[in-house]
Amino acid sequence: MKAAVCEVCLKNDMLCEGCSKRLEEGEITEEAVELSRYLYSLKDEYSYLDDVEISEIYTGEDVTVIVASEDDVGKVVGKGGEIVKRLANEVDGAIRVVERSDDVKKFSKNLLPDVKVYGVNKVFSPDEDYYKVVVDSGGSGRVMLSSEEFTEIVENITGEKAKISFR
């Protein structure tokens, strides 16, 4: 299993020097380490988790987002959502498992599955260029991410700046 920390750190309570440095520098969070360890502990029960690759774990105010490779999203969710339910109980909050993609439009739609996305447009401005993700304002309660969290996640995964806009 590939996760936020190395396999040695997944198995132990302490972090190795490399993973400790990544934690100190803010590349990973304490929540990501704990959730990765919990997910790793489930691999004895769910053997298909052994080859899962988790790219990133973001803990927002209302939701924890797990970014996995395309083939691994279903494995992390589990049959009937059983693994996600266990993860949600562990963090005492909502979990969203999202497919990793470098395409802003595809990743934004994956990140906002319960909201109608009207369009993803490239905006060129004197200050900065960014993608404007226009979503249905009626679904604002189902977004579960603040504008800042959305921007941070999209930028970290795709390398492109994106802003959410409600219509």
Protein backbone atom coordinates (compact mmCIF):
# COMPACT_ATOMS: atom_id res chain seq x y z
CA MET A 1 0.00 0.00 0.00
CA LYS A 2 1.25 3.47 -0.87
CA ALA A 3 0.01 6.24 1.39
CA ALA A 4 0.91 9.58 2.97
CA VAL A 5 3.82 7.96 4.81
CA CYS A 6 6.19 5.09 4.01
CA GLU A 7 5.27 1.50 4.83
CA VAL A 8 7.63 1.40 7.80
CA CYS A 9 5.77 4.35 9.34
CA LEU A 10 2.40 2.75 8.51
CA LYS A 11 3.38 -0.26 10.63
CA ASN A 12 4.81 1.68 13.59
CA ASP A 13 3.64 4.35 16.01
CA MET A 14 6.67 6.53 15.35
CA LEU A 15 7.64 8.28 12.12
CA CYS A 16 10.97 7.78 10.37
CA GLU A 17 13.24 10.77 9.80
CA GLY A 18 11.99 11.34 6.24
CA CYS A 19 8.30 11.22 7.12
CA SER A 20 8.89 13.36 10.25
CA LYS A 21 10.51 16.01 8.07
CA ARG A 22 7.57 15.93 5.63
CA LEU A 23 5.20 16.37 8.59
CA GLU A 24 7.21 19.29 10.01
CA GLU A 25 7.34 21.00 6.59
CA GLY A 26 3.57 20.65 6.15
CA GLU A 27 3.69 18.25 3.18
CA ILE A 28 1.55 15.83 5.18
CA THR A 29 -0.72 16.32 8.16
CA GLU A 30 -1.11 14.40 11.39
CA GLU A 31 -4.66 13.51 10.29
CA ALA A 32 -3.33 12.07 7.01
CA VAL A 33 -0.82 9.94 8.93
CA GLU A 34 -3.48 8.59 11.29
CA LEU A 35 -5.98 7.90 8.51
CA SER A 36 -3.29 6.19 6.42
CA ARG A 37 -2.38 3.99 9.38
CA TYR A 38 -6.02 3.11 9.98
CA LEU A 39 -6.52 2.24 6.30
CA TYR A 40 -3.35 0.15 6.43
CA SER A 41 -4.70 -1.72 9.47
CA LEU A 42 -7.74 -2.75 7.41
CA LYS A 43 -5.66 -4.50 4.74
CA ASP A 44 -5.65 -7.78 6.67
CA GLU A 45 -9.43 -7.78 6.51
CA TYR A 46 -9.62 -6.39 2.96
CA SER A 47 -6.68 -7.92 1.09
CA TYR A 48 -7.32 -5.81 -2.03
CA LEU A 49 -6.16 -2.74 -0.06
CA ASP A 50 -2.62 -4.12 -0.22
CA ASP A 51 -1.97 -2.63 -3.68
CA VAL A 52 -3.93 0.63 -3.21
CA GLU A 53 -2.19 3.94 -3.90
CA ILE A 54 -3.36 6.99 -1.96
CA SER A 55 -1.92 10.19 -3.45
CA GLU A 56 -3.11 12.74 -0.93
CA ILE A 57 -5.37 13.09 2.09
CA TYR A 58 -6.88 16.50 2.88
CA THR A 59 -8.77 17.19 6.05
CA GLY A 60 -11.21 20.02 5.60
CA GLU A 61 -13.61 21.54 8.06
CA ASP A 62 -16.58 19.40 6.94
CA VAL A 63 -15.04 16.59 4.91
CA THR A 64 -11.89 14.51 4.53
CA VAL A 65 -10.85 14.04 0.91
CA ILE A 66 -8.85 10.96 -0.06
CA VAL A 67 -7.25 11.19 -3.51
CA ALA A 68 -6.54 7.79 -5.04
CA SER A 69 -5.56 6.49 -8.46
CA GLU A 70 -8.34 5.67 -10.91
CA ASP A 71 -8.20 1.92 -10.31
CA ASP A 72 -8.12 2.31 -6.53
CA VAL A 73 -11.13 4.54 -5.84
CA GLY A 74 -13.54 1.59 -5.74
CA LYS A 75 -11.17 -0.38 -3.50
CA VAL A 76 -10.95 2.45 -0.97
CA VAL A 77 -14.73 2.88 -0.99
CA GLY A 78 -15.21 -0.86 -0.48
CA LYS A 79 -18.12 -3.12 -1.30
CA GLY A 80 -21.30 -1.24 -0.49
CA GLY A 81 -19.20 1.61 0.90
CA GLU A 82 -18.16 -0.43 3.93
CA ILE A 83 -14.57 0.86 4.08
CA VAL A 84 -15.61 4.49 3.66
CA LYS A 85 -18.16 4.05 6.44
CA ARG A 86 -15.45 2.72 8.73
CA LEU A 87 -13.14 5.59 7.78
CA ALA A 88 -15.96 8.08 8.43
CA ASN A 89 -16.50 6.58 11.88
CA GLU A 90 -12.77 6.78 12.56
CA VAL A 91 -12.56 10.50 11.71
CA ASP A 92 -16.09 11.21 12.97
CA GLY A 93 -16.96 13.05 9.76
CA ALA A 94 -17.65 12.77 6.05
CA ILE A 95 -15.21 11.06 3.70
CA ARG A 96 -14.97 11.68 -0.03
CA VAL A 97 -12.78 9.41 -2.18
CA VAL A 98 -11.75 11.13 -5.41
CA GLU A 99 -9.93 9.92 -8.50
CA ARG A 100 -6.61 11.67 -9.13
CA SER A 101 -6.49 13.61 -12.40
CA ASP A 102 -4.29 16.36 -13.79
CA ASP A 103 -7.27 17.69 -15.76
CA VAL A 104 -8.93 20.53 -13.79
CA LYS A 105 -12.37 19.91 -15.27
CA LYS A 106 -12.36 16.16 -14.57
CA PHE A 107 -10.87 16.54 -11.09
CA SER A 108 -13.33 19.31 -10.14
CA LYS A 109 -16.28 17.18 -11.22
CA ASN A 110 -14.90 14.25 -9.22
CA LEU A 111 -14.41 16.50 -6.19
CA LEU A 112 -17.98 17.83 -6.43
CA PRO A 113 -20.04 14.72 -7.30
CA ASP A 114 -23.27 15.92 -5.68
CA VAL A 115 -23.30 19.32 -7.40
CA LYS A 116 -24.12 20.25 -10.99
CA VAL A 117 -21.01 21.72 -12.61
CA TYR A 118 -22.08 24.11 -15.38
CA GLY A 119 -18.61 24.71 -16.72
CA VAL A 120 -14.90 24.99 -16.13
CA ASN A 121 -13.40 27.98 -17.90
CA LYS A 122 -9.89 29.38 -18.09
CA VAL A 123 -9.80 33.00 -16.92
CA PHE A 124 -6.97 35.23 -18.03
CA SER A 125 -6.53 38.30 -15.86
CA PRO A 126 -3.73 40.81 -15.29
CA ASP A 127 -3.14 39.47 -11.76
CA GLU A 128 -3.30 35.73 -12.37
CA ASP A 129 -4.68 33.07 -14.68
CA TYR A 130 -7.00 30.51 -13.11
CA TYR A 131 -9.84 28.15 -13.82
CA LYS A 132 -13.32 29.24 -12.83
CA VAL A 133 -15.48 26.27 -11.83
CA VAL A 134 -19.13 27.34 -12.13
CA VAL A 135 -21.53 25.23 -10.06
CA ASP A 136 -25.23 25.31 -9.23
CA SER A 137 -25.90 27.64 -6.30
CA GLY A 138 -28.65 25.28 -5.14
CA GLY A 139 -25.97 22.73 -4.40
CA SER A 140 -23.80 24.99 -2.26
CA GLY A 141 -24.74 23.04 0.86
CA ARG A 142 -23.55 19.81 -0.75
CA VAL A 143 -20.10 21.14 -1.72
CA MET A 144 -18.75 20.46 1.80
CA LEU A 145 -15.57 22.45 1.04
CA SER A 146 -14.84 26.10 1.58
CA SER A 147 -13.69 28.09 -1.45
CA GLU A 148 -10.17 28.13 -0.01
CA GLU A 149 -10.15 24.36 0.58
CA PHE A 150 -11.41 23.73 -2.96
CA THR A 151 -8.71 26.00 -4.43
CA GLU A 152 -5.95 24.38 -2.35
CA ILE A 153 -6.94 20.81 -3.23
CA VAL A 154 -7.30 21.47 -6.96
CA GLU A 155 -4.01 23.36 -7.11
CA ASN A 156 -2.10 20.67 -5.18
CA ILE A 157 -3.40 17.87 -7.40
CA THR A 158 -3.53 19.48 -10.85
CA GLY A 159 -0.90 22.19 -10.46
CA GLU A 160 -3.47 24.73 -11.70
CA LYS A 161 -5.22 27.45 -9.72
CA ALA A 162 -9.01 27.11 -9.62
CA LYS A 163 -11.80 29.04 -7.97
CA ILE A 164 -15.34 27.93 -7.35
CA SER A 165 -18.22 30.17 -8.39
CA PHE A 166 -21.92 29.66 -7.69
CA ARG A 167 -24.57 30.43 -10.30
